[in-house]
Protein backbone atom coordinates (compact mmCIF):
# COMPACT_ATOMS: atom_id res chain seq x y z
CA MET A 1 -13.11 10.77 1.10
CA ALA A 2 -10.11 8.00 0.00
CA GLN A 3 -8.79 6.01 3.69
CA ILE A 4 -5.85 3.69 4.04
CA LYS A 5 -5.27 0.83 6.41
CA VAL A 6 -2.10 -0.07 7.67
CA PHE A 7 -1.38 -3.28 9.74
CA TYR A 8 1.85 -3.71 11.71
CA GLU A 9 2.74 -7.53 12.82
CA ALA A 10 5.86 -6.29 15.06
CA ASP A 11 6.31 -10.07 15.93
CA THR A 12 6.42 -10.97 12.32
CA GLU A 13 7.76 -7.41 11.05
CA LEU A 14 5.14 -7.42 8.84
CA LEU A 15 3.84 -3.93 7.28
CA SER A 16 0.40 -4.46 5.43
CA VAL A 17 -1.20 -1.21 3.44
CA PHE A 18 -4.46 -1.32 1.68
CA TRP A 19 -6.11 1.43 -0.09
CA GLN A 20 -9.24 -0.95 -0.93
CA VAL A 21 -10.90 -3.16 1.41
CA PRO A 22 -9.05 -6.45 1.32
CA ARG A 23 -10.54 -9.52 -1.12
CA ARG A 24 -11.14 -13.25 -0.03
CA ASN A 25 -9.71 -14.11 -3.44
CA GLN A 26 -6.56 -11.75 -3.81
CA ILE A 27 -3.15 -12.56 -5.14
CA GLY A 28 0.04 -10.93 -4.35
CA THR A 29 3.29 -10.44 -6.44
CA GLU A 30 6.68 -10.17 -5.60
CA LEU A 31 7.92 -6.72 -6.71
CA GLY A 32 11.46 -7.72 -5.28
CA ASP A 33 13.07 -6.51 -2.04
CA GLY A 34 10.39 -7.54 0.14
CA VAL A 35 8.00 -5.75 -1.18
CA ILE A 36 4.26 -7.46 -1.92
CA LEU A 37 1.87 -6.25 -4.42
CA ILE A 38 -1.83 -7.52 -3.66
CA LYS A 39 -4.43 -7.62 -6.68
CA ASP A 40 -7.67 -8.51 -6.91
CA GLY A 41 -7.85 -11.96 -7.62
CA VAL A 42 -10.60 -11.64 -10.20
CA SER A 43 -9.91 -8.13 -11.68
CA GLY A 44 -5.96 -7.63 -11.33
CA GLU A 45 -6.58 -4.25 -9.81
CA PRO A 46 -3.98 -3.01 -7.48
CA ILE A 47 -5.82 -3.03 -3.70
CA GLY A 48 -2.20 -2.65 -1.26
CA LEU A 49 0.74 -4.15 -0.71
CA GLU A 50 2.65 -5.79 2.12
CA VAL A 51 6.35 -5.04 3.23
CA LEU A 52 8.23 -8.14 4.71
CA SER A 53 11.12 -7.85 7.14
CA TYR A 54 9.94 -4.25 8.00
CA ARG A 55 11.08 -2.24 11.11
CA PRO A 56 10.48 1.18 12.12
CA GLY A 57 12.38 3.53 10.15
CA ASP A 58 12.97 1.27 7.15
CA ASP A 59 14.95 2.61 4.59
CA ARG A 60 12.56 0.94 2.06
CA PHE A 61 10.67 4.11 2.46
CA ASP A 62 12.78 7.08 2.23
CA ALA A 63 11.86 8.06 -1.16
CA VAL A 64 8.24 8.12 0.01
CA SER A 65 6.76 11.45 0.81
CA VAL A 66 2.96 12.47 1.28
CA GLU A 67 1.15 15.23 0.14
CA LEU A 68 -2.63 16.31 1.08
CA VAL A 69 -4.15 18.51 -1.23
CA LYS A 70 -7.99 19.66 -1.78
CA VAL A 71 -9.27 17.91 -3.86
CA SER A 72 -10.47 21.32 -5.95
CA SER A 73 -6.97 22.36 -6.31
CA MET A 74 -6.53 19.13 -8.14
CA GLN A 75 -9.26 19.78 -10.93
CA PRO A 76 -7.46 20.69 -14.39
CA THR A 77 -7.11 24.27 -15.42
CA SER A 78 -7.82 25.67 -18.77
C-alpha cells in the first residue's frame, strides 16, 4: 500500500508532501507559485513537493482532488 506523508510547519508556513522516503541527497526544483518539486539527487525521480507560504485553505489546492479506488478496478480491460 502506498503511503503519503504530509508535514506542516505552521511557524514557517511550509507544507511538505512525500510519496517516497526523504533522501539525504534530494534536490529541489522550483515549479513556480511557491511550489518546489523534490527529486532524488541521483536518479532525478520525483519523491515529494513543498509549498512555501502555505496556510490551511490555500487556493493553490482548489484543483486537487483525491480519489480512492480498489487496485482491482484499475486493471486494464480486454
